[in-house]
Amino acid sequence: MNKLKTIFFCLGMSACVAVTAQSDRLNGGDRLNAGQTIFSANHKIKLVMQNDGNLVLYTTHDDHPIWASATNSIEPRYAVMQEDGNFVVYNPARKAVWSSNTYKYRGAFLVLQNDGNMVIYQASKAVWSSGTAGKVKPGDNDRDRRDDNRRDEHGPGERRHEHNEEGMLAPNARLVRGQSIVSEDKKLRLSMMETGELALYKTANNEILWSSMTIGTDAVYAVMQNDGNLGIFNNSNQMLWSSRSEGHQGSYLMLQRDGNMTIGNERETLWSSGTIGWVKSMLNSQLGELSWDGRMLPGDVLYRGQYFISPNKKLRLNMQDNGNLVLFANSSIKEYNNDVLWSTMTKGTDAAFAIMQADGNLVLYNDRRSIIWSSKTGGNQGAYLSMEKDGNMIIRRDDGKQLWQ
């Protein structure tokens, strides 16, 4: 259990406010003043707001810096995890001198993980990281490279690992693009796809049962971290997705005979794909209206039967059961032909979901991951879809520039 820590900060010269936060994290509104520190749950890394104005992540056993905001200054500064999801370092004049640029992820929080990574999550979605996973103590990286080289001798295809058990991803074992593990009964396959997603398949017919939905990202490998967290990373070691099961040293991933993929240990199950008995976890998603703010942000997915409406309640974007993505001129679930403003014209296809990919492309896929339709706006990292007050639906770059409507 994480301990609680009280962080004090002052407004002006007199009034001080106490913020209670878990010792390994900063929630929305939590703040670190100069000289204050938080630690990971295993106390192997610490985040320090230094008196020189620099925000620094250290390994605690030797005070070795592994990440910094590079905001050194003679001015006292503070860091705040804002409620809009942005982690920001300010000077005394409240001018931002560094930020994580995650202001689009309201309700996000920051965690110091046991694997040495500092990550900002919105719910279970990783939206930023320090890229320091595996840097907890000297020698870890060399050992991991030796392990990777030993595993990579087998080349693409099924993954071998040190436990040598079928259907298992052991602590520190990785899957790189093009590699898979198969369950003991040969009925399940977990693959790190060339599309950037980690997907669980039925081997009999290649039907996808579960996916990380990281399609279109620059993800290159998945790793079962030693702290119990399954993470997906790019070549810069930035975490793009995780199972949020950290803090359970030595846990492992297992493909079970009942169709479920789980992360756990001998004592408990920490996470599962929800595919027990071959029930697709994607179909267990909430149907009907999603409480979005009129935008599809990178990584957001609309499955059949889901929709969201514009903030002014005048537009509705619906992924219909017939495979068509339709923009309606009303927020009611009643559909009239004259209310249709736009559609992908994919009615009658097997399109299963629409995803706003991290590369800026809005894409309709079927369950086999064949593209049914796309906006052809790839190559614009961070772009998002927005339903506008004037009735337009626009894909904008993260700087607001219009790419598509």
Protein backbone atom coordinates (compact mmCIF):
# COMPACT_ATOMS: atom_id res chain seq x y z
CA MET A 1 0.00 0.00 0.00
CA ASN A 2 1.31 3.43 -0.94
CA LYS A 3 1.94 5.80 1.93
CA LEU A 4 0.38 9.22 2.00
CA LYS A 5 2.42 12.35 1.95
CA THR A 6 1.35 15.91 2.67
CA ILE A 7 2.83 18.57 0.40
CA PHE A 8 2.57 22.20 1.51
CA PHE A 9 2.61 25.14 -0.84
CA CYS A 10 2.02 28.81 -0.27
CA LEU A 11 -0.06 31.41 -2.03
CA GLY A 12 1.54 34.81 -1.89
CA MET A 13 3.54 35.43 1.28
CA SER A 14 1.20 34.06 3.91
CA ALA A 15 -1.52 31.52 3.16
CA CYS A 16 -0.28 27.96 2.87
CA VAL A 17 -2.28 25.06 1.47
CA ALA A 18 -1.66 21.39 2.22
CA VAL A 19 -2.15 18.85 -0.57
CA THR A 20 -2.32 15.20 0.40
CA ALA A 21 -1.03 12.88 -2.31
CA GLN A 22 0.16 9.31 -2.57
CA SER A 23 3.91 9.34 -2.06
CA ASP A 24 4.65 7.94 -5.53
CA ARG A 25 2.36 10.23 -7.50
CA LEU A 26 0.99 13.70 -8.13
CA ASN A 27 -2.73 14.03 -8.81
CA GLY A 28 -4.43 16.99 -10.45
CA GLY A 29 -3.71 20.10 -8.38
CA ASP A 30 -0.73 18.59 -6.50
CA ARG A 31 2.41 20.70 -6.45
CA LEU A 32 6.11 20.38 -5.61
CA ASN A 33 7.80 23.50 -4.24
CA ALA A 34 11.55 24.07 -4.27
CA GLY A 35 13.24 21.53 -1.98
CA GLN A 36 10.36 19.03 -2.02
CA THR A 37 10.58 15.39 -3.14
CA ILE A 38 8.37 12.39 -3.94
CA PHE A 39 9.57 8.76 -4.20
CA SER A 40 8.54 5.66 -6.12
CA ALA A 41 6.77 2.97 -4.09
CA ASN A 42 9.99 0.95 -3.87
CA HIS A 43 12.03 4.10 -3.07
CA LYS A 44 14.45 3.42 -5.92
CA ILE A 45 13.79 6.71 -7.73
CA LYS A 46 12.84 10.17 -6.53
CA LEU A 47 11.61 13.36 -8.17
CA VAL A 48 13.11 16.54 -6.71
CA MET A 49 12.12 20.15 -7.29
CA GLN A 50 15.56 21.60 -6.66
CA ASN A 51 16.34 25.00 -5.21
CA ASP A 52 18.20 25.87 -8.43
CA GLY A 53 14.94 25.63 -10.40
CA ASN A 54 15.63 22.26 -12.02
CA LEU A 55 13.16 19.39 -11.73
CA VAL A 56 15.23 16.20 -11.59
CA LEU A 57 14.53 12.46 -11.44
CA TYR A 58 17.24 10.58 -9.51
CA THR A 59 18.08 7.01 -8.59
CA THR A 60 18.06 7.10 -4.80
CA HIS A 61 20.92 4.69 -4.06
CA ASP A 62 23.53 6.92 -5.71
CA ASP A 63 21.69 10.20 -6.48
CA HIS A 64 22.38 9.68 -10.17
CA PRO A 65 20.19 11.95 -12.39
CA ILE A 66 18.30 10.02 -15.08
CA TRP A 67 15.98 12.81 -16.32
CA ALA A 68 15.69 16.59 -15.84
CA SER A 69 13.54 19.49 -17.04
CA ALA A 70 16.73 21.53 -17.72
CA THR A 71 15.22 24.61 -16.06
CA ASN A 72 18.23 25.59 -13.95
CA SER A 73 17.92 29.17 -12.72
CA ILE A 74 18.65 31.36 -9.73
CA GLU A 75 14.88 31.86 -9.41
CA PRO A 76 12.92 29.57 -7.09
CA ARG A 77 10.44 27.49 -9.07
CA TYR A 78 7.71 24.94 -8.54
CA ALA A 79 6.14 22.06 -10.46
CA VAL A 80 2.39 21.40 -10.57
CA MET A 81 0.32 18.52 -11.95
CA GLN A 82 -2.52 20.60 -13.37
CA GLU A 83 -6.11 19.41 -13.48
CA ASP A 84 -6.11 19.75 -17.28
CA GLY A 85 -3.49 16.95 -17.38
CA ASN A 86 -0.43 19.11 -18.01
CA PHE A 87 2.65 18.79 -15.77
CA VAL A 88 4.31 22.22 -15.66
CA VAL A 89 7.30 23.95 -14.10
CA TYR A 90 6.59 27.63 -13.33
CA ASN A 91 8.74 30.55 -12.27
CA PRO A 92 7.55 32.93 -9.49
CA ALA A 93 5.75 35.10 -12.08
CA ARG A 94 3.67 32.01 -13.04
CA LYS A 95 5.35 31.79 -16.43
CA ALA A 96 5.67 28.22 -17.65
CA VAL A 97 9.32 27.32 -18.27
CA TRP A 98 8.75 23.62 -19.03
CA SER A 99 5.73 21.35 -19.56
CA SER A 100 4.85 17.78 -20.56
CA ASN A 101 2.44 19.20 -23.18
CA THR A 102 -0.35 16.90 -21.98
CA TYR A 103 -2.99 19.60 -21.42
CA LYS A 104 -5.56 17.69 -23.51
CA TYR A 105 -5.81 14.88 -20.94
CA ARG A 106 -8.01 16.25 -18.14
CA GLY A 107 -7.79 14.21 -14.95
CA ALA A 108 -4.36 12.78 -15.75
CA PHE A 109 -1.90 12.07 -12.95
CA LEU A 110 1.84 11.45 -12.62
CA VAL A 111 3.36 8.25 -11.18
CA LEU A 112 6.94 7.32 -10.30
CA GLN A 113 7.03 3.65 -11.27
CA ASN A 114 9.16 0.96 -9.67
CA ASP A 115 10.87 0.28 -13.03
CA GLY A 116 12.46 3.75 -13.00
CA ASN A 117 10.00 5.41 -15.38
CA MET A 118 8.03 8.57 -14.61
CA VAL A 119 4.69 8.33 -16.42
CA ILE A 120 1.59 10.51 -16.84
CA TYR A 121 -1.61 8.49 -17.18
CA GLN A 122 -5.16 9.39 -18.08
CA ALA A 123 -7.09 6.47 -16.58
CA SER A 124 -5.13 3.45 -17.93
CA LYS A 125 -3.67 5.29 -20.93
CA ALA A 126 -0.06 6.45 -20.77
CA VAL A 127 0.19 9.92 -22.38
CA TRP A 128 3.79 10.88 -21.49
CA SER A 129 6.85 9.33 -19.91
CA SER A 130 10.41 10.27 -19.00
CA GLY A 131 11.70 7.29 -21.01
CA THR A 132 13.71 6.04 -18.05
CA ALA A 133 12.30 2.52 -17.64
CA GLY A 134 15.03 0.09 -16.58
CA LYS A 135 17.34 2.76 -15.18
CA VAL A 136 16.75 1.93 -11.55
CA LYS A 137 20.29 0.82 -10.81
CA PRO A 138 23.61 0.48 -12.64
CA GLY A 139 24.00 -2.74 -14.59
CA ASP A 140 20.30 -3.23 -15.36
CA ASN A 141 20.59 -1.98 -18.91
CA ASP A 142 23.60 -4.18 -19.66
CA ARG A 143 21.82 -7.21 -18.25
CA ASP A 144 18.66 -6.42 -20.23
CA ARG A 145 20.68 -6.08 -23.43
CA ARG A 146 22.28 -9.48 -22.80
CA ASP A 147 18.83 -10.99 -22.22
CA ASP A 148 17.49 -9.35 -25.39
CA ASN A 149 20.42 -10.60 -27.47
CA ARG A 150 19.92 -14.12 -26.11
CA ARG A 151 16.21 -14.03 -26.97
CA ASP A 152 16.73 -12.35 -30.35
CA GLU A 153 18.96 -15.18 -31.55
CA HIS A 154 15.73 -16.92 -32.47
CA GLY A 155 14.73 -14.09 -34.82
CA PRO A 156 11.14 -13.16 -35.75
CA GLY A 157 8.29 -15.52 -34.97
CA GLU A 158 7.53 -17.24 -31.70
CA ARG A 159 9.29 -15.78 -28.70
CA ARG A 160 11.57 -17.79 -26.43
CA HIS A 161 12.26 -16.61 -22.90
CA GLU A 162 14.19 -17.68 -19.88
CA HIS A 163 11.31 -19.54 -18.19
CA ASN A 164 10.86 -21.61 -21.37
CA GLU A 165 7.14 -22.13 -20.68
CA GLU A 166 4.64 -21.93 -23.51
CA GLY A 167 2.10 -19.12 -23.39
CA MET A 168 4.03 -17.08 -20.84
CA LEU A 169 5.81 -13.73 -20.99
CA ALA A 170 8.21 -13.78 -18.06
CA PRO A 171 9.54 -10.73 -16.17
CA ASN A 172 11.85 -8.62 -18.41
CA ALA A 173 10.86 -10.60 -21.54
CA ARG A 174 9.99 -8.58 -24.64
CA LEU A 175 8.01 -8.94 -27.85
CA VAL A 176 9.29 -6.80 -30.71
CA ARG A 177 7.37 -6.11 -33.91
CA GLY A 178 6.76 -9.38 -35.78
CA GLN A 179 7.16 -11.62 -32.73
CA SER A 180 4.55 -13.74 -30.93
CA ILE A 181 3.97 -16.18 -28.12
CA VAL A 182 1.45 -19.02 -28.35
CA SER A 183 -0.61 -20.62 -25.58
CA GLU A 184 0.18 -24.15 -24.41
CA ASP A 185 -2.92 -25.52 -26.15
CA LYS A 186 -2.06 -23.55 -29.35
CA LYS A 187 -5.45 -21.80 -29.35
CA LEU A 188 -4.22 -18.27 -28.53
CA ARG A 189 -1.48 -16.12 -30.01
CA LEU A 190 -0.22 -12.80 -28.64
CA SER A 191 1.57 -10.77 -31.32
CA MET A 192 3.39 -7.47 -31.46
CA MET A 193 2.06 -6.29 -34.80
CA GLU A 194 3.78 -4.27 -37.51
CA THR A 195 0.89 -1.80 -37.10
CA GLY A 196 2.18 -0.90 -33.62
CA GLU A 197 -0.50 -2.74 -31.64
CA LEU A 198 -0.27 -5.69 -29.31
CA ALA A 199 -3.05 -8.12 -30.24
CA LEU A 200 -4.47 -11.39 -28.90
CA TYR A 201 -5.73 -13.77 -31.59
CA LYS A 202 -7.55 -17.03 -31.97
CA THR A 203 -5.01 -19.11 -33.85
CA ALA A 204 -7.72 -21.09 -35.68
CA ASN A 205 -9.07 -18.17 -37.70
CA ASN A 206 -6.90 -15.15 -36.77
CA GLU A 207 -9.86 -13.46 -35.09
CA ILE A 208 -8.70 -10.65 -32.80
CA LEU A 209 -10.01 -11.01 -29.25
CA TRP A 210 -8.17 -8.11 -27.61
CA SER A 211 -5.91 -5.26 -28.68
CA SER A 212 -3.91 -2.44 -27.08
CA MET A 213 -5.37 -0.18 -29.80
CA THR A 214 -2.00 1.44 -30.42
CA ILE A 215 -2.49 1.21 -34.19
CA GLY A 216 -0.64 3.87 -36.12
CA THR A 217 1.79 4.67 -33.31
CA ASP A 218 5.56 4.23 -33.48
CA ALA A 219 5.41 1.40 -30.92
CA VAL A 220 8.14 -1.17 -31.53
CA TYR A 221 8.09 -3.50 -28.53
CA ALA A 222 6.10 -4.72 -25.54
CA VAL A 223 7.87 -5.68 -22.32
CA MET A 224 6.67 -7.53 -19.24
CA GLN A 225 8.42 -5.30 -16.73
CA ASN A 226 9.87 -6.76 -13.57
CA ASP A 227 7.51 -4.63 -11.45
CA GLY A 228 4.44 -6.40 -12.92
CA ASN A 229 3.53 -3.77 -15.52
CA LEU A 230 3.08 -4.70 -19.18
CA GLY A 231 4.23 -1.73 -21.23
CA ILE A 232 4.39 -0.82 -24.92
CA PHE A 233 7.25 1.47 -25.96
CA ASN A 234 8.71 3.21 -28.99
CA ASN A 235 12.39 3.40 -29.94
CA SER A 236 12.83 6.43 -27.65
CA ASN A 237 11.64 4.25 -24.72
CA GLN A 238 8.50 6.38 -24.33
CA MET A 239 5.61 4.39 -22.91
CA LEU A 240 2.57 4.43 -25.23
CA TRP A 241 0.31 2.00 -23.32
CA SER A 242 0.43 -0.03 -20.13
CA SER A 243 -1.63 -2.48 -18.10
CA ARG A 244 -1.26 -0.27 -14.99
CA SER A 245 -0.30 -3.29 -12.88
CA GLU A 246 2.99 -1.98 -11.52
CA GLY A 247 4.05 -2.55 -7.93
CA HIS A 248 3.89 -6.35 -8.04
CA GLN A 249 7.46 -7.55 -8.43
CA GLY A 250 7.97 -10.74 -10.42
CA SER A 251 4.48 -10.97 -11.92
CA TYR A 252 4.15 -12.41 -15.43
CA LEU A 253 1.73 -12.62 -18.37
CA MET A 254 -0.03 -15.90 -19.17
CA LEU A 255 -2.23 -17.04 -22.07
CA GLN A 256 -4.80 -19.29 -20.37
CA ARG A 257 -6.73 -22.29 -21.64
CA ASP A 258 -10.06 -20.53 -21.01
CA GLY A 259 -9.25 -17.84 -23.61
CA ASN A 260 -8.18 -15.20 -21.11
CA MET A 261 -4.86 -13.37 -21.05
CA THR A 262 -3.85 -12.42 -17.52
CA ILE A 263 -1.08 -10.68 -15.60
CA GLY A 264 -0.48 -11.95 -12.10
CA ASN A 265 1.44 -14.22 -9.79
CA GLU A 266 0.75 -17.19 -7.55
CA ARG A 267 -1.31 -15.02 -5.17
CA GLU A 268 -3.48 -12.79 -7.36
CA THR A 269 -4.59 -11.73 -10.83
CA LEU A 270 -3.72 -8.07 -11.47
CA TRP A 271 -5.11 -7.55 -14.97
CA SER A 272 -6.92 -9.51 -17.66
CA SER A 273 -7.95 -9.10 -21.30
CA GLY A 274 -11.55 -9.96 -20.44
CA THR A 275 -11.66 -12.68 -23.11
CA ILE A 276 -12.55 -15.65 -20.93
CA GLY A 277 -14.68 -18.09 -22.95
CA TRP A 278 -13.70 -16.22 -26.18
CA VAL A 279 -15.90 -13.23 -25.35
CA LYS A 280 -14.36 -10.25 -27.14
CA SER A 281 -13.30 -7.57 -24.72
CA MET A 282 -14.01 -4.97 -27.40
CA LEU A 283 -17.66 -5.93 -27.43
CA ASN A 284 -17.78 -5.42 -23.67
CA SER A 285 -17.16 -1.72 -24.22
CA GLN A 286 -19.81 0.78 -23.21
CA LEU A 287 -22.50 1.13 -25.88
CA GLY A 288 -24.34 4.36 -26.59
CA GLU A 289 -23.09 7.84 -25.77
CA LEU A 290 -19.50 8.47 -24.70
CA SER A 291 -18.84 11.44 -22.45
CA TRP A 292 -16.26 13.06 -24.70
CA ASP A 293 -15.95 16.83 -25.19
CA GLY A 294 -16.74 16.89 -28.92
CA ARG A 295 -13.27 15.64 -29.86
CA MET A 296 -11.59 12.36 -30.74
CA LEU A 297 -8.09 12.57 -29.30
CA PRO A 298 -5.15 10.38 -30.40
CA GLY A 299 -5.91 6.78 -29.44
CA ASP A 300 -9.68 7.29 -29.00
CA VAL A 301 -11.83 4.50 -30.48
CA LEU A 302 -15.51 4.38 -31.50
CA TYR A 303 -16.90 0.86 -31.71
CA ARG A 304 -20.14 -0.08 -33.43
CA GLY A 305 -23.06 1.29 -31.46
CA GLN A 306 -21.09 4.14 -29.88
CA TYR A 307 -21.38 7.87 -30.49
CA PHE A 308 -20.47 11.22 -28.99
CA ILE A 309 -21.96 14.69 -29.34
CA SER A 310 -20.62 18.21 -29.71
CA PRO A 311 -20.48 20.53 -26.69
CA ASN A 312 -23.38 22.62 -28.09
CA LYS A 313 -25.47 19.42 -28.50
CA LYS A 314 -26.04 20.10 -32.22
CA LEU A 315 -23.84 17.39 -33.75
CA ARG A 316 -23.51 13.66 -33.20
CA LEU A 317 -20.84 11.33 -34.63
CA ASN A 318 -22.04 7.73 -34.64
CA MET A 319 -20.24 4.48 -35.50
CA GLN A 320 -23.28 2.58 -36.72
CA ASP A 321 -23.94 -1.14 -36.53
CA ASN A 322 -24.02 -1.27 -40.35
CA GLY A 323 -20.35 -0.23 -40.60
CA ASN A 324 -20.97 3.42 -41.48
CA LEU A 325 -19.46 6.37 -39.58
CA VAL A 326 -22.08 9.14 -39.75
CA LEU A 327 -22.24 12.79 -38.66
CA PHE A 328 -25.78 13.84 -37.73
CA ALA A 329 -27.21 17.33 -37.29
CA ASN A 330 -28.85 16.41 -33.99
CA SER A 331 -27.85 14.90 -30.69
CA SER A 332 -30.91 12.63 -30.42
CA ILE A 333 -30.50 8.91 -31.06
CA LYS A 334 -33.48 9.17 -33.44
CA GLU A 335 -32.11 9.18 -36.97
CA TYR A 336 -33.69 10.92 -39.91
CA ASN A 337 -32.23 10.92 -43.43
CA ASN A 338 -32.30 14.70 -43.68
CA ASP A 339 -30.20 14.94 -40.51
CA VAL A 340 -27.19 13.25 -42.14
CA LEU A 341 -24.45 15.81 -42.77
CA TRP A 342 -21.64 13.42 -43.74
CA SER A 343 -20.67 9.77 -43.73
CA THR A 344 -17.81 7.49 -44.74
CA MET A 345 -20.20 5.74 -47.16
CA THR A 346 -19.21 2.39 -45.71
CA LYS A 347 -22.71 1.08 -44.99
CA GLY A 348 -22.84 -2.70 -45.40
CA THR A 349 -19.11 -3.22 -44.90
CA ASP A 350 -17.54 -5.13 -42.02
CA ALA A 351 -16.02 -1.97 -40.50
CA ALA A 352 -15.89 -2.65 -36.76
CA PHE A 353 -14.48 0.54 -35.28
CA ALA A 354 -13.10 4.00 -35.99
CA ILE A 355 -9.84 5.11 -34.38
CA MET A 356 -8.12 8.49 -34.24
CA GLN A 357 -4.60 7.19 -34.67
CA ALA A 358 -1.61 8.79 -32.99
CA ASP A 359 -0.19 9.59 -36.43
CA GLY A 360 -3.16 11.88 -37.16
CA ASN A 361 -5.12 9.51 -39.41
CA LEU A 362 -8.81 8.76 -38.76
CA VAL A 363 -9.31 5.14 -39.86
CA LEU A 364 -12.12 2.58 -40.04
CA TYR A 365 -10.90 -0.99 -39.58
CA ASN A 366 -12.56 -4.38 -39.63
CA ASP A 367 -11.71 -7.07 -37.10
CA ARG A 368 -8.92 -8.41 -39.35
CA ARG A 369 -7.29 -4.93 -39.28
CA SER A 370 -7.96 -4.26 -42.96
CA ILE A 371 -8.51 -0.56 -43.63
CA ILE A 372 -12.07 0.13 -44.81
CA TRP A 373 -11.75 3.95 -44.97
CA SER A 374 -9.36 6.67 -43.84
CA SER A 375 -9.07 10.44 -43.80
CA LYS A 376 -5.56 10.16 -45.30
CA THR A 377 -4.13 12.57 -42.73
CA GLY A 378 -1.31 10.37 -41.45
CA GLY A 379 2.07 11.87 -40.68
CA ASN A 380 0.60 14.49 -38.33
CA GLN A 381 1.47 13.22 -34.85
CA GLY A 382 -0.96 14.45 -32.21
CA ALA A 383 -3.72 15.55 -34.60
CA TYR A 384 -7.30 15.20 -33.37
CA LEU A 385 -10.89 15.36 -34.65
CA SER A 386 -13.13 18.19 -33.53
CA MET A 387 -16.85 18.86 -34.01
CA GLU A 388 -17.10 22.64 -34.49
CA LYS A 389 -19.85 25.09 -33.52
CA ASP A 390 -20.50 25.94 -37.19
CA GLY A 391 -21.48 22.34 -37.97
CA ASN A 392 -18.17 21.25 -39.47
CA MET A 393 -16.18 18.24 -38.39
CA ILE A 394 -12.46 18.98 -38.71
CA ILE A 395 -9.19 17.16 -38.12
CA ARG A 396 -6.68 19.61 -36.70
CA ARG A 397 -2.99 19.38 -35.98
CA ASP A 398 -2.00 19.83 -32.35
CA ASP A 399 -1.20 23.48 -33.18
CA GLY A 400 -4.80 24.00 -34.39
CA LYS A 401 -4.09 24.02 -38.13
CA GLN A 402 -6.86 22.39 -40.19
CA LEU A 403 -5.91 19.19 -42.03
CA TRP A 404 -9.26 17.77 -43.15
CA GLN A 405 -13.00 18.47 -43.01
